[in-house]
Amino acid sequence: MRWGPAGQPVGRYLAEARRARGLTLAQLAERLDVSAANISRIEHGADLRVSTLLDLARALKLEPMLVSKEHVPAVRALLSTLEHPEAAEDHDRARFA
């Protein structure tokens, strides 16, 4: 399963989100009442149920959503702009100079 602006694996994206929120595997596992080993397996690419993905998203303050394939490029561009606002400013300056 792919996710994220760069099309990275969902497990890697979840691991980055967990670390960005300052949570250890054990802390996240405790919040979800699962084992830390289970969270680790998911972060390393194990298959997961949609219900588990939703539970993880809630715990990590993420909003999972389905995006029409035709809108994926626009969503990725928007997310890239949000993650790297300086690049968007440079692009706007060149466009409006």
N, C-alpha and C. Protein backbone atom coordinates (compact mmCIF):
# COMPACT_ATOMS: atom_id res chain seq x y z
N MET A 1 0.85 -1.17 0.00
CA MET A 1 0.00 0.00 0.00
C MET A 1 0.89 1.24 0.00
N ARG A 2 0.59 2.19 -0.84
CA ARG A 2 1.38 3.42 -0.93
C ARG A 2 0.58 4.58 -0.36
N TRP A 3 1.32 5.57 0.10
CA TRP A 3 0.68 6.73 0.69
C TRP A 3 1.70 7.85 0.73
N GLY A 4 1.28 9.04 1.01
CA GLY A 4 2.22 10.14 1.18
C GLY A 4 2.56 10.80 -0.14
N PRO A 5 3.00 12.03 -0.06
CA PRO A 5 3.30 12.80 -1.27
C PRO A 5 4.36 12.14 -2.15
N ALA A 6 5.29 11.44 -1.56
CA ALA A 6 6.35 10.81 -2.34
C ALA A 6 6.01 9.37 -2.71
N GLY A 7 4.79 8.93 -2.41
CA GLY A 7 4.41 7.56 -2.70
C GLY A 7 5.13 6.54 -1.84
N GLN A 8 5.54 6.97 -0.66
CA GLN A 8 6.27 6.06 0.23
C GLN A 8 5.33 5.03 0.82
N PRO A 9 5.89 3.91 1.26
CA PRO A 9 5.04 2.89 1.89
C PRO A 9 4.32 3.45 3.12
N VAL A 10 3.12 2.97 3.34
CA VAL A 10 2.31 3.49 4.44
C VAL A 10 2.98 3.26 5.79
N GLY A 11 3.66 2.14 5.95
CA GLY A 11 4.34 1.86 7.22
C GLY A 11 5.40 2.90 7.53
N ARG A 12 6.16 3.27 6.52
CA ARG A 12 7.20 4.28 6.72
C ARG A 12 6.57 5.62 7.08
N TYR A 13 5.48 5.95 6.41
CA TYR A 13 4.79 7.21 6.70
C TYR A 13 4.27 7.22 8.14
N LEU A 14 3.70 6.10 8.57
CA LEU A 14 3.20 6.01 9.95
C LEU A 14 4.34 6.10 10.96
N ALA A 15 5.48 5.48 10.66
CA ALA A 15 6.64 5.55 11.56
C ALA A 15 7.13 6.99 11.68
N GLU A 16 7.19 7.70 10.55
CA GLU A 16 7.62 9.11 10.59
C GLU A 16 6.65 9.96 11.39
N ALA A 17 5.35 9.71 11.21
CA ALA A 17 4.34 10.46 11.96
C ALA A 17 4.46 10.18 13.46
N ARG A 18 4.71 8.92 13.81
CA ARG A 18 4.86 8.56 15.22
C ARG A 18 6.06 9.28 15.83
N ARG A 19 7.18 9.23 15.13
CA ARG A 19 8.39 9.89 15.64
C ARG A 19 8.21 11.41 15.71
N ALA A 20 7.53 11.98 14.73
CA ALA A 20 7.30 13.43 14.71
C ALA A 20 6.47 13.87 15.91
N ARG A 21 5.64 12.98 16.43
CA ARG A 21 4.81 13.29 17.59
C ARG A 21 5.49 12.88 18.89
N GLY A 22 6.73 12.43 18.78
CA GLY A 22 7.51 12.09 19.97
C GLY A 22 7.05 10.84 20.68
N LEU A 23 6.43 9.91 19.95
CA LEU A 23 5.94 8.68 20.56
C LEU A 23 6.87 7.52 20.28
N THR A 24 7.07 6.68 21.27
CA THR A 24 7.81 5.45 21.07
C THR A 24 6.85 4.38 20.56
N LEU A 25 7.41 3.29 20.08
CA LEU A 25 6.56 2.16 19.68
C LEU A 25 5.68 1.72 20.85
N ALA A 26 6.28 1.63 22.03
CA ALA A 26 5.55 1.17 23.22
C ALA A 26 4.41 2.12 23.57
N GLN A 27 4.64 3.42 23.47
CA GLN A 27 3.59 4.38 23.81
C GLN A 27 2.42 4.30 22.83
N LEU A 28 2.73 4.21 21.54
CA LEU A 28 1.66 4.10 20.55
C LEU A 28 0.91 2.78 20.74
N ALA A 29 1.65 1.71 20.96
CA ALA A 29 1.02 0.41 21.17
C ALA A 29 0.08 0.43 22.37
N GLU A 30 0.51 1.10 23.44
CA GLU A 30 -0.33 1.19 24.63
C GLU A 30 -1.62 1.94 24.33
N ARG A 31 -1.53 3.03 23.58
CA ARG A 31 -2.73 3.80 23.21
C ARG A 31 -3.72 2.95 22.42
N LEU A 32 -3.20 2.03 21.62
CA LEU A 32 -4.06 1.22 20.76
C LEU A 32 -4.36 -0.15 21.35
N ASP A 33 -3.79 -0.44 22.51
CA ASP A 33 -3.97 -1.73 23.17
C ASP A 33 -3.55 -2.90 22.27
N VAL A 34 -2.37 -2.73 21.66
CA VAL A 34 -1.75 -3.78 20.86
C VAL A 34 -0.29 -3.88 21.30
N SER A 35 0.42 -4.86 20.76
CA SER A 35 1.83 -5.00 21.14
C SER A 35 2.71 -4.05 20.32
N ALA A 36 3.83 -3.68 20.90
CA ALA A 36 4.81 -2.85 20.19
C ALA A 36 5.34 -3.62 18.98
N ALA A 37 5.45 -4.94 19.10
CA ALA A 37 5.91 -5.76 17.97
C ALA A 37 4.95 -5.65 16.79
N ASN A 38 3.66 -5.57 17.08
CA ASN A 38 2.66 -5.43 16.02
C ASN A 38 2.83 -4.10 15.29
N ILE A 39 3.03 -3.02 16.05
CA ILE A 39 3.25 -1.70 15.45
C ILE A 39 4.52 -1.74 14.61
N SER A 40 5.56 -2.35 15.12
CA SER A 40 6.83 -2.45 14.39
C SER A 40 6.63 -3.19 13.08
N ARG A 41 5.90 -4.28 13.09
CA ARG A 41 5.64 -5.05 11.86
C ARG A 41 4.93 -4.17 10.82
N ILE A 42 3.94 -3.41 11.27
CA ILE A 42 3.22 -2.51 10.37
C ILE A 42 4.16 -1.47 9.79
N GLU A 43 4.99 -0.88 10.64
CA GLU A 43 5.92 0.14 10.18
C GLU A 43 6.96 -0.42 9.20
N HIS A 44 7.20 -1.72 9.27
CA HIS A 44 8.15 -2.35 8.37
C HIS A 44 7.48 -3.05 7.18
N GLY A 45 6.21 -2.75 6.95
CA GLY A 45 5.57 -3.20 5.72
C GLY A 45 4.58 -4.33 5.81
N ALA A 46 4.26 -4.80 7.01
CA ALA A 46 3.27 -5.87 7.13
C ALA A 46 1.90 -5.35 6.68
N ASP A 47 1.10 -6.26 6.14
CA ASP A 47 -0.26 -5.90 5.77
C ASP A 47 -1.04 -5.48 7.01
N LEU A 48 -1.97 -4.57 6.80
CA LEU A 48 -2.81 -4.17 7.92
C LEU A 48 -4.23 -3.98 7.45
N ARG A 49 -5.14 -4.16 8.35
CA ARG A 49 -6.56 -3.98 8.05
C ARG A 49 -6.87 -2.50 8.00
N VAL A 50 -7.92 -2.17 7.28
CA VAL A 50 -8.35 -0.78 7.20
C VAL A 50 -8.70 -0.27 8.60
N SER A 51 -9.33 -1.10 9.40
CA SER A 51 -9.70 -0.68 10.76
C SER A 51 -8.44 -0.35 11.58
N THR A 52 -7.38 -1.11 11.39
CA THR A 52 -6.12 -0.83 12.10
C THR A 52 -5.51 0.47 11.60
N LEU A 53 -5.55 0.68 10.29
CA LEU A 53 -5.05 1.93 9.72
C LEU A 53 -5.81 3.12 10.29
N LEU A 54 -7.12 3.00 10.39
CA LEU A 54 -7.93 4.09 10.94
C LEU A 54 -7.58 4.34 12.41
N ASP A 55 -7.39 3.27 13.18
CA ASP A 55 -7.00 3.43 14.59
C ASP A 55 -5.65 4.13 14.71
N LEU A 56 -4.69 3.71 13.89
CA LEU A 56 -3.37 4.34 13.90
C LEU A 56 -3.48 5.81 13.50
N ALA A 57 -4.25 6.10 12.47
CA ALA A 57 -4.42 7.48 12.01
C ALA A 57 -4.99 8.35 13.13
N ARG A 58 -6.00 7.86 13.80
CA ARG A 58 -6.60 8.64 14.90
C ARG A 58 -5.57 8.91 16.00
N ALA A 59 -4.82 7.88 16.36
CA ALA A 59 -3.83 8.02 17.43
C ALA A 59 -2.72 8.99 17.04
N LEU A 60 -2.43 9.08 15.74
CA LEU A 60 -1.35 9.95 15.26
C LEU A 60 -1.86 11.28 14.72
N LYS A 61 -3.14 11.53 14.92
CA LYS A 61 -3.77 12.78 14.46
C LYS A 61 -3.59 12.99 12.95
N LEU A 62 -3.84 11.91 12.21
CA LEU A 62 -3.81 11.93 10.75
C LEU A 62 -5.23 11.79 10.23
N GLU A 63 -5.45 12.22 9.02
CA GLU A 63 -6.76 12.11 8.39
C GLU A 63 -6.64 11.27 7.13
N PRO A 64 -6.98 9.99 7.22
CA PRO A 64 -6.92 9.16 6.01
C PRO A 64 -8.06 9.53 5.07
N MET A 65 -7.76 9.52 3.77
CA MET A 65 -8.82 9.82 2.80
C MET A 65 -8.49 9.15 1.48
N LEU A 66 -9.54 8.89 0.73
CA LEU A 66 -9.38 8.35 -0.61
C LEU A 66 -9.43 9.52 -1.58
N VAL A 67 -8.52 9.51 -2.54
CA VAL A 67 -8.44 10.59 -3.51
C VAL A 67 -8.58 9.98 -4.90
N SER A 68 -9.42 10.57 -5.71
CA SER A 68 -9.58 10.13 -7.09
C SER A 68 -8.23 10.20 -7.79
N LYS A 69 -7.91 9.18 -8.59
CA LYS A 69 -6.61 9.14 -9.27
C LYS A 69 -6.35 10.41 -10.08
N GLU A 70 -7.39 10.95 -10.65
CA GLU A 70 -7.20 12.15 -11.46
C GLU A 70 -6.77 13.36 -10.63
N HIS A 71 -7.03 13.33 -9.32
CA HIS A 71 -6.67 14.44 -8.45
C HIS A 71 -5.37 14.22 -7.68
N VAL A 72 -4.79 13.04 -7.79
CA VAL A 72 -3.57 12.73 -7.04
C VAL A 72 -2.44 13.72 -7.35
N PRO A 73 -2.17 14.05 -8.62
CA PRO A 73 -1.09 15.02 -8.88
C PRO A 73 -1.32 16.37 -8.19
N ALA A 74 -2.55 16.84 -8.19
CA ALA A 74 -2.85 18.13 -7.54
C ALA A 74 -2.68 18.03 -6.03
N VAL A 75 -3.12 16.93 -5.44
CA VAL A 75 -2.98 16.74 -4.00
C VAL A 75 -1.50 16.65 -3.63
N ARG A 76 -0.72 15.92 -4.41
CA ARG A 76 0.72 15.81 -4.13
C ARG A 76 1.40 17.17 -4.24
N ALA A 77 1.02 17.95 -5.26
CA ALA A 77 1.61 19.28 -5.42
C ALA A 77 1.25 20.18 -4.24
N LEU A 78 0.00 20.12 -3.80
CA LEU A 78 -0.43 20.91 -2.65
C LEU A 78 0.32 20.50 -1.40
N LEU A 79 0.44 19.22 -1.16
CA LEU A 79 1.16 18.74 0.02
C LEU A 79 2.63 19.14 -0.05
N SER A 80 3.21 19.07 -1.21
CA SER A 80 4.61 19.49 -1.37
C SER A 80 4.77 20.96 -1.04
N THR A 81 3.83 21.77 -1.47
CA THR A 81 3.85 23.20 -1.18
C THR A 81 3.74 23.45 0.32
N LEU A 82 2.90 22.68 1.00
CA LEU A 82 2.74 22.83 2.44
C LEU A 82 3.99 22.37 3.19
N GLU A 83 4.64 21.33 2.69
CA GLU A 83 5.83 20.80 3.36
C GLU A 83 7.07 21.63 3.06
N HIS A 84 7.09 22.32 1.92
CA HIS A 84 8.25 23.12 1.50
C HIS A 84 7.78 24.49 1.02
N PRO A 85 7.28 25.34 1.92
CA PRO A 85 6.71 26.62 1.50
C PRO A 85 7.73 27.53 0.81
N GLU A 86 9.01 27.38 1.16
CA GLU A 86 10.03 28.23 0.52
C GLU A 86 10.11 27.96 -0.98
N ALA A 87 9.91 26.73 -1.39
CA ALA A 87 9.94 26.40 -2.81
C ALA A 87 8.75 27.04 -3.53
N ALA A 88 7.60 27.07 -2.88
CA ALA A 88 6.43 27.69 -3.48
C ALA A 88 6.63 29.19 -3.61
N GLU A 89 7.27 29.82 -2.60
CA GLU A 89 7.52 31.26 -2.67
C GLU A 89 8.46 31.58 -3.82
N ASP A 90 9.51 30.77 -3.99
CA ASP A 90 10.44 30.98 -5.10
C ASP A 90 9.72 30.84 -6.43
N HIS A 91 8.85 29.83 -6.54
CA HIS A 91 8.11 29.61 -7.78
C HIS A 91 7.19 30.79 -8.06
N ASP A 92 6.49 31.29 -7.04
CA ASP A 92 5.59 32.44 -7.21
C ASP A 92 6.36 33.69 -7.58
N ARG A 93 7.52 33.88 -6.97
CA ARG A 93 8.33 35.07 -7.30
C ARG A 93 8.72 35.05 -8.77
N ALA A 94 9.14 33.89 -9.25
CA ALA A 94 9.55 33.78 -10.65
C ALA A 94 8.36 33.99 -11.57
N ARG A 95 7.21 33.49 -11.16
CA ARG A 95 6.03 33.59 -12.00
C ARG A 95 5.51 35.01 -12.07
N PHE A 96 5.62 35.77 -10.99
CA PHE A 96 5.05 37.13 -10.94
C PHE A 96 6.11 38.22 -11.05
N ALA A 97 7.34 37.86 -11.37
CA ALA A 97 8.41 38.86 -11.47
C ALA A 97 8.27 39.69 -12.73
